[in-house]
Amino acid sequence: MLFNYMTIARDYLSARIKNEKGITAIEYAIIGVAMSSALYYIFNDGNFLETLRQAWATMGNKITSSGNILGSSGA
């Protein structure tokens, strides 16, 4: 009788260990939290958007200030 209970318990635990659906869900949750934290830092605290705006403004200013260095198109 005790052997039957041990066999049932072993089979139950064996089935639970092989079932990794819950573990995979936990892994995805951890990855999701890490990614959302990184994105929050990049877009809010990391000043990513302000740096991007400054880069576009600098590029636009340099293009505008370069004038007509290529000459007229002759059209």
N, C-alpha and C. Protein backbone atom coordinates (compact mmCIF):
# COMPACT_ATOMS: atom_id res chain seq x y z
N MET A 1 0.82 -1.18 0.00
CA MET A 1 0.00 0.00 0.00
C MET A 1 0.87 1.25 0.00
N LEU A 2 1.88 1.28 0.86
CA LEU A 2 2.78 2.42 0.91
C LEU A 2 3.51 2.57 -0.42
N PHE A 3 3.86 1.44 -1.02
CA PHE A 3 4.54 1.48 -2.32
C PHE A 3 3.65 2.11 -3.38
N ASN A 4 2.34 1.83 -3.33
CA ASN A 4 1.41 2.42 -4.29
C ASN A 4 1.36 3.94 -4.15
N TYR A 5 1.33 4.42 -2.90
CA TYR A 5 1.32 5.87 -2.67
C TYR A 5 2.62 6.51 -3.15
N MET A 6 3.72 5.83 -2.92
CA MET A 6 5.00 6.35 -3.38
C MET A 6 5.05 6.40 -4.89
N THR A 7 4.51 5.40 -5.54
CA THR A 7 4.48 5.37 -6.99
C THR A 7 3.59 6.49 -7.54
N ILE A 8 2.45 6.68 -6.91
CA ILE A 8 1.54 7.75 -7.34
C ILE A 8 2.21 9.12 -7.14
N ALA A 9 2.86 9.32 -6.02
CA ALA A 9 3.54 10.59 -5.75
C ALA A 9 4.68 10.81 -6.73
N ARG A 10 5.43 9.76 -7.02
CA ARG A 10 6.54 9.87 -7.98
C ARG A 10 6.02 10.23 -9.35
N ASP A 11 4.96 9.56 -9.78
CA ASP A 11 4.39 9.85 -11.10
C ASP A 11 3.84 11.27 -11.17
N TYR A 12 3.20 11.72 -10.10
CA TYR A 12 2.66 13.08 -10.06
C TYR A 12 3.78 14.12 -10.16
N LEU A 13 4.81 13.95 -9.35
CA LEU A 13 5.93 14.89 -9.37
C LEU A 13 6.67 14.84 -10.70
N SER A 14 6.82 13.65 -11.24
CA SER A 14 7.49 13.51 -12.53
C SER A 14 6.74 14.26 -13.62
N ALA A 15 5.41 14.17 -13.60
CA ALA A 15 4.60 14.87 -14.59
C ALA A 15 4.71 16.38 -14.40
N ARG A 16 4.75 16.84 -13.17
CA ARG A 16 4.85 18.28 -12.89
C ARG A 16 6.21 18.83 -13.30
N ILE A 17 7.25 18.06 -13.09
CA ILE A 17 8.59 18.52 -13.45
C ILE A 17 8.73 18.63 -14.97
N LYS A 18 8.13 17.69 -15.70
CA LYS A 18 8.21 17.72 -17.16
C LYS A 18 7.36 18.84 -17.74
N ASN A 19 6.33 19.28 -17.05
CA ASN A 19 5.46 20.34 -17.52
C ASN A 19 6.14 21.67 -17.22
N GLU A 20 6.67 22.33 -18.26
CA GLU A 20 7.42 23.55 -18.07
C GLU A 20 6.65 24.79 -18.51
N LYS A 21 5.34 24.67 -18.70
CA LYS A 21 4.55 25.82 -19.15
C LYS A 21 4.59 26.95 -18.14
N GLY A 22 4.48 26.63 -16.88
CA GLY A 22 4.51 27.66 -15.84
C GLY A 22 5.86 28.33 -15.75
N ILE A 23 6.92 27.55 -15.90
CA ILE A 23 8.28 28.11 -15.85
C ILE A 23 8.50 29.04 -17.03
N THR A 24 8.03 28.65 -18.20
CA THR A 24 8.18 29.50 -19.38
C THR A 24 7.43 30.81 -19.20
N ALA A 25 6.25 30.76 -18.63
CA ALA A 25 5.48 31.98 -18.40
C ALA A 25 6.22 32.91 -17.43
N ILE A 26 6.83 32.35 -16.42
CA ILE A 26 7.60 33.16 -15.46
C ILE A 26 8.80 33.78 -16.15
N GLU A 27 9.47 33.02 -17.01
CA GLU A 27 10.62 33.56 -17.75
C GLU A 27 10.19 34.72 -18.64
N TYR A 28 9.08 34.56 -19.35
CA TYR A 28 8.59 35.64 -20.20
C TYR A 28 8.21 36.87 -19.37
N ALA A 29 7.66 36.66 -18.21
CA ALA A 29 7.30 37.78 -17.35
C ALA A 29 8.55 38.53 -16.90
N ILE A 30 9.58 37.81 -16.55
CA ILE A 30 10.83 38.45 -16.13
C ILE A 30 11.44 39.22 -17.28
N ILE A 31 11.45 38.64 -18.47
CA ILE A 31 11.97 39.33 -19.65
C ILE A 31 11.15 40.58 -19.94
N GLY A 32 9.83 40.48 -19.83
CA GLY A 32 8.96 41.62 -20.07
C GLY A 32 9.22 42.77 -19.10
N VAL A 33 9.41 42.44 -17.84
CA VAL A 33 9.71 43.47 -16.84
C VAL A 33 11.06 44.12 -17.14
N ALA A 34 12.04 43.33 -17.50
CA ALA A 34 13.36 43.88 -17.81
C ALA A 34 13.30 44.81 -19.02
N MET A 35 12.57 44.39 -20.06
CA MET A 35 12.47 45.21 -21.27
C MET A 35 11.69 46.49 -21.00
N SER A 36 10.62 46.40 -20.25
CA SER A 36 9.84 47.60 -19.97
C SER A 36 10.64 48.58 -19.10
N SER A 37 11.43 48.07 -18.18
CA SER A 37 12.29 48.94 -17.37
C SER A 37 13.33 49.63 -18.24
N ALA A 38 13.92 48.89 -19.16
CA ALA A 38 14.92 49.48 -20.05
C ALA A 38 14.29 50.54 -20.95
N LEU A 39 13.13 50.26 -21.51
CA LEU A 39 12.46 51.23 -22.37
C LEU A 39 12.04 52.47 -21.58
N TYR A 40 11.58 52.29 -20.37
CA TYR A 40 11.22 53.44 -19.53
C TYR A 40 12.44 54.32 -19.31
N TYR A 41 13.56 53.70 -19.00
CA TYR A 41 14.78 54.48 -18.77
C TYR A 41 15.20 55.21 -20.04
N ILE A 42 15.17 54.52 -21.17
CA ILE A 42 15.62 55.12 -22.43
C ILE A 42 14.74 56.31 -22.80
N PHE A 43 13.43 56.15 -22.72
CA PHE A 43 12.54 57.19 -23.22
C PHE A 43 12.19 58.25 -22.18
N ASN A 44 12.32 57.98 -20.91
CA ASN A 44 11.97 58.97 -19.90
C ASN A 44 13.19 59.51 -19.18
N ASP A 45 13.88 58.68 -18.44
CA ASP A 45 14.99 59.14 -17.62
C ASP A 45 16.28 59.29 -18.41
N GLY A 46 16.43 58.57 -19.50
CA GLY A 46 17.67 58.58 -20.25
C GLY A 46 17.79 59.72 -21.25
N ASN A 47 16.74 60.55 -21.38
CA ASN A 47 16.73 61.69 -22.30
C ASN A 47 16.99 61.29 -23.75
N PHE A 48 16.58 60.09 -24.12
CA PHE A 48 16.79 59.61 -25.48
C PHE A 48 16.07 60.50 -26.49
N LEU A 49 14.82 60.83 -26.22
CA LEU A 49 14.05 61.63 -27.17
C LEU A 49 14.63 63.03 -27.31
N GLU A 50 15.08 63.62 -26.23
CA GLU A 50 15.68 64.96 -26.31
C GLU A 50 16.98 64.91 -27.10
N THR A 51 17.77 63.89 -26.89
CA THR A 51 19.01 63.75 -27.65
C THR A 51 18.72 63.57 -29.13
N LEU A 52 17.68 62.80 -29.44
CA LEU A 52 17.29 62.60 -30.83
C LEU A 52 16.82 63.92 -31.45
N ARG A 53 16.03 64.69 -30.72
CA ARG A 53 15.58 66.00 -31.22
C ARG A 53 16.77 66.93 -31.47
N GLN A 54 17.71 66.93 -30.55
CA GLN A 54 18.89 67.78 -30.73
C GLN A 54 19.71 67.36 -31.94
N ALA A 55 19.83 66.08 -32.17
CA ALA A 55 20.58 65.59 -33.33
C ALA A 55 19.91 66.03 -34.63
N TRP A 56 18.58 65.91 -34.70
CA TRP A 56 17.87 66.33 -35.91
C TRP A 56 17.98 67.83 -36.09
N ALA A 57 17.90 68.59 -35.01
CA ALA A 57 18.02 70.04 -35.11
C ALA A 57 19.41 70.44 -35.59
N THR A 58 20.43 69.81 -35.05
CA THR A 58 21.80 70.10 -35.46
C THR A 58 22.00 69.78 -36.93
N MET A 59 21.50 68.63 -37.36
CA MET A 59 21.63 68.24 -38.76
C MET A 59 20.89 69.24 -39.66
N GLY A 60 19.69 69.64 -39.26
CA GLY A 60 18.93 70.61 -40.05
C GLY A 60 19.63 71.95 -40.12
N ASN A 61 20.19 72.40 -39.00
CA ASN A 61 20.92 73.67 -38.99
C ASN A 61 22.15 73.63 -39.88
N LYS A 62 22.87 72.53 -39.87
CA LYS A 62 24.07 72.42 -40.70
C LYS A 62 23.70 72.38 -42.18
N ILE A 63 22.61 71.73 -42.51
CA ILE A 63 22.18 71.70 -43.91
C ILE A 63 21.76 73.10 -44.35
N THR A 64 21.02 73.78 -43.50
CA THR A 64 20.56 75.14 -43.82
C THR A 64 21.74 76.11 -43.92
N SER A 65 22.69 76.00 -43.00
CA SER A 65 23.81 76.94 -43.00
C SER A 65 24.83 76.65 -44.08
N SER A 66 24.77 75.48 -44.69
CA SER A 66 25.73 75.17 -45.74
C SER A 66 25.48 75.99 -46.99
N GLY A 67 24.28 76.50 -47.11
CA GLY A 67 23.96 77.35 -48.26
C GLY A 67 23.87 76.53 -49.52
N ASN A 68 24.21 77.16 -50.60
CA ASN A 68 24.12 76.52 -51.91
C ASN A 68 25.51 76.12 -52.37
N ILE A 69 26.10 75.15 -51.68
CA ILE A 69 27.48 74.77 -51.98
C ILE A 69 27.61 74.00 -53.29
N LEU A 70 26.53 73.47 -53.79
CA LEU A 70 26.58 72.71 -55.03
C LEU A 70 26.30 73.57 -56.26
N GLY A 71 25.94 74.81 -56.04
CA GLY A 71 25.64 75.70 -57.15
C GLY A 71 24.23 75.46 -57.63
N SER A 72 23.88 76.10 -58.69
CA SER A 72 22.51 75.95 -59.21
C SER A 72 22.40 74.66 -59.98
N SER A 73 21.20 74.16 -60.07
CA SER A 73 20.98 72.89 -60.75
C SER A 73 20.93 73.07 -62.26
N GLY A 74 20.82 74.29 -62.73
CA GLY A 74 20.81 74.55 -64.15
C GLY A 74 19.47 74.26 -64.79
N ALA A 75 18.46 74.06 -63.99
CA ALA A 75 17.16 73.72 -64.55
C ALA A 75 16.41 74.89 -65.00
